[in-house]
Amino acid sequence: RAFKPMWHGGSEAERARAAETVTGLLTLMSNEMKGPFLF
């Protein structure tokens, strides 16, 4: 869902906020990885 502004013509500011959100969510997931893959 966080990618929506990038696919659907969000403003530059909306895209920048979306990118920050995506990076944060991916960081959260990477911190919980159990190996080279998620589990």
PDB file of all heavy atoms in Angstrom:
ATOM      1  N   ARG A   1       0.824  -1.214   0.000  1.00  0.00           N
ATOM      2  CA  ARG A   1       0.000   0.000   0.000  1.00  0.00           C
ATOM      3  C   ARG A   1       0.860   1.267   0.000  1.00  0.00           C
ATOM      4  O   ARG A   1       0.475   2.288  -0.572  1.00  0.00           O
ATOM      5  CB  ARG A   1      -0.922  -0.017   1.225  1.00  0.00           C
ATOM      6  CG  ARG A   1      -1.931   1.105   1.248  1.00  0.00           C
ATOM      7  CD  ARG A   1      -2.812   1.002   2.467  1.00  0.00           C
ATOM      8  NE  ARG A   1      -2.046   1.188   3.696  1.00  0.00           N
ATOM      9  CZ  ARG A   1      -2.588   1.255   4.902  1.00  0.00           C
ATOM     10  NH1 ARG A   1      -3.892   1.104   5.040  1.00  0.00           N
ATOM     11  NH2 ARG A   1      -1.839   1.431   5.966  1.00  0.00           N
ATOM     12  N   ALA A   2       2.026   1.195   0.632  1.00  0.00           N
ATOM     13  CA  ALA A   2       2.886   2.375   0.743  1.00  0.00           C
ATOM     14  C   ALA A   2       3.395   2.863  -0.615  1.00  0.00           C
ATOM     15  O   ALA A   2       3.778   4.025  -0.757  1.00  0.00           O
ATOM     16  CB  ALA A   2       4.067   2.077   1.672  1.00  0.00           C
ATOM     17  N   PHE A   3       3.400   1.990  -1.626  1.00  0.00           N
ATOM     18  CA  PHE A   3       3.881   2.367  -2.961  1.00  0.00           C
ATOM     19  C   PHE A   3       2.856   3.153  -3.769  1.00  0.00           C
ATOM     20  O   PHE A   3       3.163   3.627  -4.861  1.00  0.00           O
ATOM     21  CB  PHE A   3       4.272   1.117  -3.754  1.00  0.00           C
ATOM     22  CG  PHE A   3       5.630   0.571  -3.431  1.00  0.00           C
ATOM     23  CD1 PHE A   3       5.778  -0.464  -2.508  1.00  0.00           C
ATOM     24  CD2 PHE A   3       6.772   1.069  -4.049  1.00  0.00           C
ATOM     25  CE1 PHE A   3       7.026  -0.990  -2.214  1.00  0.00           C
ATOM     26  CE2 PHE A   3       8.028   0.561  -3.754  1.00  0.00           C
ATOM     27  CZ  PHE A   3       8.152  -0.474  -2.830  1.00  0.00           C
ATOM     28  N   LYS A   4       1.646   3.293  -3.259  1.00  0.00           N
ATOM     29  CA  LYS A   4       0.559   3.867  -4.059  1.00  0.00           C
ATOM     30  C   LYS A   4       0.910   5.210  -4.698  1.00  0.00           C
ATOM     31  O   LYS A   4       0.656   5.414  -5.893  1.00  0.00           O
ATOM     32  CB  LYS A   4      -0.703   3.995  -3.197  1.00  0.00           C
ATOM     33  CG  LYS A   4      -1.933   4.335  -4.008  1.00  0.00           C
ATOM     34  CD  LYS A   4      -3.201   4.229  -3.168  1.00  0.00           C
ATOM     35  CE  LYS A   4      -4.409   4.498  -4.038  1.00  0.00           C
ATOM     36  NZ  LYS A   4      -5.672   4.374  -3.295  1.00  0.00           N
ATOM     37  N   PRO A   5       1.513   6.178  -3.969  1.00  0.00           N
ATOM     38  CA  PRO A   5       1.832   7.464  -4.616  1.00  0.00           C
ATOM     39  C   PRO A   5       2.799   7.328  -5.790  1.00  0.00           C
ATOM     40  O   PRO A   5       2.805   8.163  -6.694  1.00  0.00           O
ATOM     41  CB  PRO A   5       2.461   8.287  -3.481  1.00  0.00           C
ATOM     42  CG  PRO A   5       1.973   7.660  -2.222  1.00  0.00           C
ATOM     43  CD  PRO A   5       1.858   6.202  -2.531  1.00  0.00           C
ATOM     44  N   MET A   6       3.629   6.280  -5.764  1.00  0.00           N
ATOM     45  CA  MET A   6       4.608   6.105  -6.842  1.00  0.00           C
ATOM     46  C   MET A   6       3.951   5.568  -8.103  1.00  0.00           C
ATOM     47  O   MET A   6       4.325   5.936  -9.214  1.00  0.00           O
ATOM     48  CB  MET A   6       5.721   5.180  -6.366  1.00  0.00           C
ATOM     49  CG  MET A   6       6.444   5.742  -5.155  1.00  0.00           C
ATOM     50  SD  MET A   6       7.661   4.590  -4.522  1.00  0.00           S
ATOM     51  CE  MET A   6       8.040   5.388  -2.957  1.00  0.00           C
ATOM     52  N   TRP A   7       2.958   4.709  -7.940  1.00  0.00           N
ATOM     53  CA  TRP A   7       2.281   4.119  -9.090  1.00  0.00           C
ATOM     54  C   TRP A   7       1.183   5.019  -9.633  1.00  0.00           C
ATOM     55  O   TRP A   7       0.807   4.904 -10.797  1.00  0.00           O
ATOM     56  CB  TRP A   7       1.662   2.769  -8.714  1.00  0.00           C
ATOM     57  CG  TRP A   7       2.642   1.651  -8.582  1.00  0.00           C
ATOM     58  CD1 TRP A   7       2.989   0.996  -7.438  1.00  0.00           C
ATOM     59  CD2 TRP A   7       3.409   1.025  -9.621  1.00  0.00           C
ATOM     60  NE1 TRP A   7       3.909   0.013  -7.696  1.00  0.00           N
ATOM     61  CE2 TRP A   7       4.188   0.010  -9.035  1.00  0.00           C
ATOM     62  CE3 TRP A   7       3.506   1.236 -10.998  1.00  0.00           C
ATOM     63  CZ2 TRP A   7       5.049  -0.799  -9.766  1.00  0.00           C
ATOM     64  CZ3 TRP A   7       4.367   0.435 -11.735  1.00  0.00           C
ATOM     65  CH2 TRP A   7       5.131  -0.576 -11.118  1.00  0.00           C
ATOM     66  N   HIS A   8       0.646   5.876  -8.777  1.00  0.00           N
ATOM     67  CA  HIS A   8      -0.563   6.618  -9.165  1.00  0.00           C
ATOM     68  C   HIS A   8      -0.377   8.135  -9.137  1.00  0.00           C
ATOM     69  O   HIS A   8      -1.241   8.866  -8.674  1.00  0.00           O
ATOM     70  CB  HIS A   8      -1.737   6.193  -8.272  1.00  0.00           C
ATOM     71  CG  HIS A   8      -2.064   4.738  -8.395  1.00  0.00           C
ATOM     72  ND1 HIS A   8      -2.671   4.205  -9.515  1.00  0.00           N
ATOM     73  CD2 HIS A   8      -1.829   3.696  -7.563  1.00  0.00           C
ATOM     74  CE1 HIS A   8      -2.811   2.889  -9.347  1.00  0.00           C
ATOM     75  NE2 HIS A   8      -2.309   2.555  -8.180  1.00  0.00           N
ATOM     76  N   GLY A   9       0.786   8.580  -9.616  1.00  0.00           N
ATOM     77  CA  GLY A   9       0.985   9.997  -9.867  1.00  0.00           C
ATOM     78  C   GLY A   9       0.974  10.911  -8.661  1.00  0.00           C
ATOM     79  O   GLY A   9       0.454  12.029  -8.736  1.00  0.00           O
ATOM     80  N   GLY A  10       1.543  10.437  -7.554  1.00  0.00           N
ATOM     81  CA  GLY A  10       1.636  11.295  -6.378  1.00  0.00           C
ATOM     82  C   GLY A  10       2.581  12.458  -6.620  1.00  0.00           C
ATOM     83  O   GLY A  10       3.434  12.420  -7.517  1.00  0.00           O
ATOM     84  N   SER A  11       2.434  13.517  -5.836  1.00  0.00           N
ATOM     85  CA  SER A  11       3.338  14.662  -5.937  1.00  0.00           C
ATOM     86  C   SER A  11       4.741  14.249  -5.493  1.00  0.00           C
ATOM     87  O   SER A  11       4.932  13.182  -4.897  1.00  0.00           O
ATOM     88  CB  SER A  11       2.841  15.802  -5.045  1.00  0.00           C
ATOM     89  OG  SER A  11       2.963  15.430  -3.678  1.00  0.00           O
ATOM     90  N   GLU A  12       5.705  15.116  -5.770  1.00  0.00           N
ATOM     91  CA  GLU A  12       7.083  14.818  -5.367  1.00  0.00           C
ATOM     92  C   GLU A  12       7.174  14.616  -3.859  1.00  0.00           C
ATOM     93  O   GLU A  12       7.859  13.705  -3.381  1.00  0.00           O
ATOM     94  CB  GLU A  12       8.006  15.958  -5.820  1.00  0.00           C
ATOM     95  CG  GLU A  12       9.473  15.578  -5.791  1.00  0.00           C
ATOM     96  CD  GLU A  12      10.367  16.641  -6.428  1.00  0.00           C
ATOM     97  OE1 GLU A  12       9.962  17.247  -7.433  1.00  0.00           O
ATOM     98  OE2 GLU A  12      11.463  16.848  -5.885  1.00  0.00           O
ATOM     99  N   ALA A  13       6.469  15.452  -3.101  1.00  0.00           N
ATOM    100  CA  ALA A  13       6.487  15.343  -1.639  1.00  0.00           C
ATOM    101  C   ALA A  13       5.846  14.033  -1.184  1.00  0.00           C
ATOM    102  O   ALA A  13       6.351  13.359  -0.271  1.00  0.00           O
ATOM    103  CB  ALA A  13       5.762  16.529  -1.008  1.00  0.00           C
ATOM    104  N   GLU A  14       4.748  13.644  -1.836  1.00  0.00           N
ATOM    105  CA  GLU A  14       4.070  12.389  -1.475  1.00  0.00           C
ATOM    106  C   GLU A  14       4.956  11.186  -1.792  1.00  0.00           C
ATOM    107  O   GLU A  14       5.029  10.229  -1.001  1.00  0.00           O
ATOM    108  CB  GLU A  14       2.745  12.273  -2.227  1.00  0.00           C
ATOM    109  CG  GLU A  14       1.669  13.220  -1.718  1.00  0.00           C
ATOM    110  CD  GLU A  14       0.462  13.281  -2.644  1.00  0.00           C
ATOM    111  OE1 GLU A  14       0.614  13.049  -3.867  1.00  0.00           O
ATOM    112  OE2 GLU A  14      -0.629  13.560  -2.125  1.00  0.00           O
ATOM    113  N   ARG A  15       5.640  11.267  -2.913  1.00  0.00           N
ATOM    114  CA  ARG A  15       6.536  10.169  -3.285  1.00  0.00           C
ATOM    115  C   ARG A  15       7.715  10.069  -2.325  1.00  0.00           C
ATOM    116  O   ARG A  15       8.154   8.965  -1.978  1.00  0.00           O
ATOM    117  CB  ARG A  15       7.026  10.364  -4.723  1.00  0.00           C
ATOM    118  CG  ARG A  15       5.918  10.136  -5.757  1.00  0.00           C
ATOM    119  CD  ARG A  15       6.253  10.753  -7.104  1.00  0.00           C
ATOM    120  NE  ARG A  15       7.387  10.132  -7.746  1.00  0.00           N
ATOM    121  CZ  ARG A  15       7.303   9.185  -8.674  1.00  0.00           C
ATOM    122  NH1 ARG A  15       6.119   8.752  -9.073  1.00  0.00           N
ATOM    123  NH2 ARG A  15       8.377   8.675  -9.217  1.00  0.00           N
ATOM    124  N   ALA A  16       8.233  11.217  -1.897  1.00  0.00           N
ATOM    125  CA  ALA A  16       9.348  11.215  -0.945  1.00  0.00           C
ATOM    126  C   ALA A  16       8.919  10.618   0.395  1.00  0.00           C
ATOM    127  O   ALA A  16       9.656   9.823   1.006  1.00  0.00           O
ATOM    128  CB  ALA A  16       9.870  12.644  -0.742  1.00  0.00           C
ATOM    129  N   ARG A  17       7.720  10.985   0.846  1.00  0.00           N
ATOM    130  CA  ARG A  17       7.205  10.412   2.105  1.00  0.00           C
ATOM    131  C   ARG A  17       6.985   8.916   1.960  1.00  0.00           C
ATOM    132  O   ARG A  17       7.284   8.132   2.868  1.00  0.00           O
ATOM    133  CB  ARG A  17       5.894  11.090   2.501  1.00  0.00           C
ATOM    134  CG  ARG A  17       6.069  12.428   3.195  1.00  0.00           C
ATOM    135  CD  ARG A  17       4.800  12.892   3.897  1.00  0.00           C
ATOM    136  NE  ARG A  17       3.670  13.029   2.994  1.00  0.00           N
ATOM    137  CZ  ARG A  17       3.403  14.128   2.274  1.00  0.00           C
ATOM    138  NH1 ARG A  17       4.196  15.193   2.383  1.00  0.00           N
ATOM    139  NH2 ARG A  17       2.358  14.170   1.476  1.00  0.00           N
ATOM    140  N   ALA A  18       6.467   8.511   0.787  1.00  0.00           N
ATOM    141  CA  ALA A  18       6.230   7.089   0.538  1.00  0.00           C
ATOM    142  C   ALA A  18       7.551   6.310   0.562  1.00  0.00           C
ATOM    143  O   ALA A  18       7.630   5.221   1.141  1.00  0.00           O
ATOM    144  CB  ALA A  18       5.522   6.898  -0.795  1.00  0.00           C
ATOM    145  N   ALA A  19       8.570   6.872  -0.066  1.00  0.00           N
ATOM    146  CA  ALA A  19       9.881   6.207  -0.098  1.00  0.00           C
ATOM    147  C   ALA A  19      10.429   6.033   1.313  1.00  0.00           C
ATOM    148  O   ALA A  19      10.971   4.969   1.657  1.00  0.00           O
ATOM    149  CB  ALA A  19      10.857   7.008  -0.958  1.00  0.00           C
ATOM    150  N   GLU A  20      10.260   7.049   2.138  1.00  0.00           N
ATOM    151  CA  GLU A  20      10.723   6.978   3.527  1.00  0.00           C
ATOM    152  C   GLU A  20       9.961   5.884   4.284  1.00  0.00           C
ATOM    153  O   GLU A  20      10.547   5.113   5.051  1.00  0.00           O
ATOM    154  CB  GLU A  20      10.496   8.335   4.199  1.00  0.00           C
ATOM    155  CG  GLU A  20      11.224   8.507   5.510  1.00  0.00           C
ATOM    156  CD  GLU A  20      11.044   9.919   6.056  1.00  0.00           C
ATOM    157  OE1 GLU A  20      11.192  10.888   5.278  1.00  0.00           O
ATOM    158  OE2 GLU A  20      10.752  10.027   7.255  1.00  0.00           O
ATOM    159  N   THR A  21       8.662   5.815   4.039  1.00  0.00           N
ATOM    160  CA  THR A  21       7.838   4.785   4.679  1.00  0.00           C
ATOM    161  C   THR A  21       8.278   3.389   4.251  1.00  0.00           C
ATOM    162  O   THR A  21       8.451   2.491   5.094  1.00  0.00           O
ATOM    163  CB  THR A  21       6.348   4.986   4.329  1.00  0.00           C
ATOM    164  OG1 THR A  21       5.935   6.257   4.814  1.00  0.00           O
ATOM    165  CG2 THR A  21       5.480   3.897   4.937  1.00  0.00           C
ATOM    166  N   VAL A  22       8.484   3.200   2.945  1.00  0.00           N
ATOM    167  CA  VAL A  22       8.903   1.895   2.427  1.00  0.00           C
ATOM    168  C   VAL A  22      10.238   1.485   3.042  1.00  0.00           C
ATOM    169  O   VAL A  22      10.403   0.349   3.497  1.00  0.00           O
ATOM    170  CB  VAL A  22       8.988   1.916   0.885  1.00  0.00           C
ATOM    171  CG1 VAL A  22       9.704   0.671   0.360  1.00  0.00           C
ATOM    172  CG2 VAL A  22       7.593   2.025   0.278  1.00  0.00           C
ATOM    173  N   THR A  23      11.198   2.391   3.074  1.00  0.00           N
ATOM    174  CA  THR A  23      12.505   2.077   3.658  1.00  0.00           C
ATOM    175  C   THR A  23      12.356   1.665   5.116  1.00  0.00           C
ATOM    176  O   THR A  23      12.974   0.690   5.568  1.00  0.00           O
ATOM    177  CB  THR A  23      13.460   3.282   3.540  1.00  0.00           C
ATOM    178  OG1 THR A  23      13.622   3.614   2.157  1.00  0.00           O
ATOM    179  CG2 THR A  23      14.824   2.970   4.137  1.00  0.00           C
ATOM    180  N   GLY A  24      11.523   2.381   5.857  1.00  0.00           N
ATOM    181  CA  GLY A  24      11.302   2.049   7.265  1.00  0.00           C
ATOM    182  C   GLY A  24      10.673   0.678   7.444  1.00  0.00           C
ATOM    183  O   GLY A  24      11.084  -0.098   8.321  1.00  0.00           O
ATOM    184  N   LEU A  25       9.698   0.356   6.610  1.00  0.00           N
ATOM    185  CA  LEU A  25       9.029  -0.947   6.705  1.00  0.00           C
ATOM    186  C   LEU A  25       9.986  -2.083   6.339  1.00  0.00           C
ATOM    187  O   LEU A  25       9.991  -3.143   6.978  1.00  0.00           O
ATOM    188  CB  LEU A  25       7.802  -0.975   5.789  1.00  0.00           C
ATOM    189  CG  LEU A  25       6.656  -0.033   6.181  1.00  0.00           C
ATOM    190  CD1 LEU A  25       5.625   0.053   5.053  1.00  0.00           C
ATOM    191  CD2 LEU A  25       5.987  -0.506   7.472  1.00  0.00           C
ATOM    192  N   LEU A  26      10.801  -1.864   5.319  1.00  0.00           N
ATOM    193  CA  LEU A  26      11.778  -2.881   4.929  1.00  0.00           C
ATOM    194  C   LEU A  26      12.841  -3.074   6.007  1.00  0.00           C
ATOM    195  O   LEU A  26      13.306  -4.198   6.244  1.00  0.00           O
ATOM    196  CB  LEU A  26      12.430  -2.510   3.595  1.00  0.00           C
ATOM    197  CG  LEU A  26      11.537  -2.635   2.363  1.00  0.00           C
ATOM    198  CD1 LEU A  26      12.216  -2.029   1.143  1.00  0.00           C
ATOM    199  CD2 LEU A  26      11.169  -4.096   2.094  1.00  0.00           C
ATOM    200  N   THR A  27      13.207  -1.995   6.674  1.00  0.00           N
ATOM    201  CA  THR A  27      14.173  -2.102   7.773  1.00  0.00           C
ATOM    202  C   THR A  27      13.584  -2.923   8.908  1.00  0.00           C
ATOM    203  O   THR A  27      14.256  -3.796   9.485  1.00  0.00           O
ATOM    204  CB  THR A  27      14.574  -0.700   8.263  1.00  0.00           C
ATOM    205  OG1 THR A  27      15.177   0.013   7.175  1.00  0.00           O
ATOM    206  CG2 THR A  27      15.553  -0.776   9.423  1.00  0.00           C
ATOM    207  N   LEU A  28      12.325  -2.665   9.213  1.00  0.00           N
ATOM    208  CA  LEU A  28      11.630  -3.435  10.247  1.00  0.00           C
ATOM    209  C   LEU A  28      11.635  -4.923   9.902  1.00  0.00           C
ATOM    210  O   LEU A  28      11.954  -5.774  10.749  1.00  0.00           O
ATOM    211  CB  LEU A  28      10.195  -2.919  10.369  1.00  0.00           C
ATOM    212  CG  LEU A  28       9.327  -3.457  11.488  1.00  0.00           C
ATOM    213  CD1 LEU A  28       9.879  -3.083  12.851  1.00  0.00           C
ATOM    214  CD2 LEU A  28       7.904  -2.937  11.347  1.00  0.00           C
ATOM    215  N   MET A  29      11.324  -5.245   8.660  1.00  0.00           N
ATOM    216  CA  MET A  29      11.312  -6.654   8.243  1.00  0.00           C
ATOM    217  C   MET A  29      12.710  -7.256   8.260  1.00  0.00           C
ATOM    218  O   MET A  29      12.891  -8.409   8.662  1.00  0.00           O
ATOM    219  CB  MET A  29      10.716  -6.796   6.842  1.00  0.00           C
ATOM    220  CG  MET A  29       9.226  -6.536   6.765  1.00  0.00           C
ATOM    221  SD  MET A  29       8.510  -7.107   5.193  1.00  0.00           S
ATOM    222  CE  MET A  29       8.260  -8.852   5.588  1.00  0.00           C
ATOM    223  N   SER A  30      13.706  -6.488   7.837  1.00  0.00           N
ATOM    224  CA  SER A  30      15.069  -7.038   7.782  1.00  0.00           C
ATOM    225  C   SER A  30      15.591  -7.344   9.183  1.00  0.00           C
ATOM    226  O   SER A  30      16.352  -8.296   9.379  1.00  0.00           O
ATOM    227  CB  SER A  30      16.014  -6.092   7.044  1.00  0.00           C
ATOM    228  OG  SER A  30      16.278  -4.936   7.790  1.00  0.00           O
ATOM    229  N   ASN A  31      15.144  -6.567  10.157  1.00  0.00           N
ATOM    230  CA  ASN A  31      15.563  -6.809  11.542  1.00  0.00           C
ATOM    231  C   ASN A  31      14.989  -8.093  12.117  1.00  0.00           C
ATOM    232  O   ASN A  31      15.490  -8.608  13.120  1.00  0.00           O
ATOM    233  CB  ASN A  31      15.151  -5.628  12.436  1.00  0.00           C
ATOM    234  CG  ASN A  31      15.945  -4.377  12.145  1.00  0.00           C
ATOM    235  OD1 ASN A  31      17.030  -4.441  11.571  1.00  0.00           O
ATOM    236  ND2 ASN A  31      15.411  -3.227  12.519  1.00  0.00           N
ATOM    237  N   GLU A  32      13.937  -8.619  11.474  1.00  0.00           N
ATOM    238  CA  GLU A  32      13.290  -9.835  11.971  1.00  0.00           C
ATOM    239  C   GLU A  32      13.610 -11.068  11.125  1.00  0.00           C
ATOM    240  O   GLU A  32      13.084 -12.149  11.377  1.00  0.00           O
ATOM    241  CB  GLU A  32      11.773  -9.621  12.031  1.00  0.00           C
ATOM    242  CG  GLU A  32      11.385  -8.525  13.018  1.00  0.00           C
ATOM    243  CD  GLU A  32       9.884  -8.278  13.072  1.00  0.00           C
ATOM    244  OE1 GLU A  32       9.142  -8.901  12.287  1.00  0.00           O
ATOM    245  OE2 GLU A  32       9.474  -7.453  13.907  1.00  0.00           O
ATOM    246  N   MET A  33      14.474 -10.911  10.119  1.00  0.00           N
ATOM    247  CA  MET A  33      14.826 -12.043   9.262  1.00  0.00           C
ATOM    248  C   MET A  33      15.530 -13.129  10.071  1.00  0.00           C
ATOM    249  O   MET A  33      16.339 -12.836  10.941  1.00  0.00           O
ATOM    250  CB  MET A  33      15.720 -11.581   8.105  1.00  0.00           C
ATOM    251  CG  MET A  33      14.967 -10.790   7.055  1.00  0.00           C
ATOM    252  SD  MET A  33      16.069 -10.068   5.796  1.00  0.00           S
ATOM    253  CE  MET A  33      16.654 -11.545   4.953  1.00  0.00           C
ATOM    254  N   LYS A  34      15.214 -14.393   9.738  1.00  0.00           N
ATOM    255  CA  LYS A  34      15.787 -15.536  10.461  1.00  0.00           C
ATOM    256  C   LYS A  34      16.945 -16.174   9.705  1.00  0.00           C
ATOM    257  O   LYS A  34      17.421 -17.243  10.079  1.00  0.00           O
ATOM    258  CB  LYS A  34      14.704 -16.598  10.698  1.00  0.00           C
ATOM    259  CG  LYS A  34      13.462 -16.092  11.431  1.00  0.00           C
ATOM    260  CD  LYS A  34      13.767 -15.737  12.875  1.00  0.00           C
ATOM    261  CE  LYS A  34      12.520 -15.468  13.699  1.00  0.00           C
ATOM    262  NZ  LYS A  34      11.914 -14.152  13.403  1.00  0.00           N
ATOM    263  N   GLY A  35      17.393 -15.530   8.644  1.00  0.00           N
ATOM    264  CA  GLY A  35      18.461 -16.091   7.817  1.00  0.00           C
ATOM    265  C   GLY A  35      18.549 -15.298   6.534  1.00  0.00           C
ATOM    266  O   GLY A  35      18.117 -14.146   6.480  1.00  0.00           O
ATOM    267  N   PRO A  36      19.062 -15.903   5.460  1.00  0.00           N
ATOM    268  CA  PRO A  36      19.155 -15.187   4.189  1.00  0.00           C
ATOM    269  C   PRO A  36      17.775 -14.850   3.608  1.00  0.00           C
ATOM    270  O   PRO A  36      17.641 -13.934   2.807  1.00  0.00           O
ATOM    271  CB  PRO A  36      19.919 -16.143   3.282  1.00  0.00           C
ATOM    272  CG  PRO A  36      19.844 -17.476   3.929  1.00  0.00           C
ATOM    273  CD  PRO A  36      19.677 -17.233   5.392  1.00  0.00           C
ATOM    274  N   PHE A  37      16.756 -15.636   4.018  1.00  0.00           N
ATOM    275  CA  PHE A  37      15.375 -15.341   3.647  1.00  0.00           C
ATOM    276  C   PHE A  37      14.592 -15.027   4.922  1.00  0.00           C
ATOM    277  O   PHE A  37      15.128 -15.125   6.021  1.00  0.00           O
ATOM    278  CB  PHE A  37      14.759 -16.515   2.876  1.00  0.00           C
ATOM    279  CG  PHE A  37      15.454 -16.796   1.569  1.00  0.00           C
ATOM    280  CD1 PHE A  37      16.342 -17.854   1.458  1.00  0.00           C
ATOM    281  CD2 PHE A  37      15.239 -15.985   0.466  1.00  0.00           C
ATOM    282  CE1 PHE A  37      17.003 -18.106   0.256  1.00  0.00           C
ATOM    283  CE2 PHE A  37      15.896 -16.217  -0.740  1.00  0.00           C
ATOM    284  CZ  PHE A  37      16.777 -17.278  -0.837  1.00  0.00           C
ATOM    285  N   LEU A  38      13.340 -14.651   4.781  1.00  0.00           N
ATOM    286  CA  LEU A  38      12.568 -14.199   5.941  1.00  0.00           C
ATOM    287  C   LEU A  38      12.549 -15.207   7.072  1.00  0.00           C
ATOM    288  O   LEU A  38      12.668 -14.844   8.246  1.00  0.00           O
ATOM    289  CB  LEU A  38      11.124 -13.875   5.517  1.00  0.00           C
ATOM    290  CG  LEU A  38      10.922 -12.599   4.702  1.00  0.00           C
ATOM    291  CD1 LEU A  38       9.462 -12.486   4.263  1.00  0.00           C
ATOM    292  CD2 LEU A  38      11.339 -11.370   5.505  1.00  0.00           C
ATOM    293  N   PHE A  39      12.395 -16.498   6.723  1.00  0.00           N
ATOM    294  CA  PHE A  39      12.214 -17.512   7.761  1.00  0.00           C
ATOM    295  C   PHE A  39      13.380 -18.489   7.869  1.00  0.00           C
ATOM    296  O   PHE A  39      13.260 -19.514   8.518  1.00  0.00           O
ATOM    297  CB  PHE A  39      10.904 -18.277   7.520  1.00  0.00           C
ATOM    298  CG  PHE A  39       9.689 -17.406   7.646  1.00  0.00           C
ATOM    299  CD1 PHE A  39       9.022 -16.953   6.516  1.00  0.00           C
ATOM    300  CD2 PHE A  39       9.212 -17.011   8.891  1.00  0.00           C
ATOM    301  CE1 PHE A  39       7.900 -16.143   6.622  1.00  0.00           C
ATOM    302  CE2 PHE A  39       8.091 -16.200   9.010  1.00  0.00           C
ATOM    303  CZ  PHE A  39       7.437 -15.756   7.875  1.00  0.00           C
TER     304      PHE A  39
END
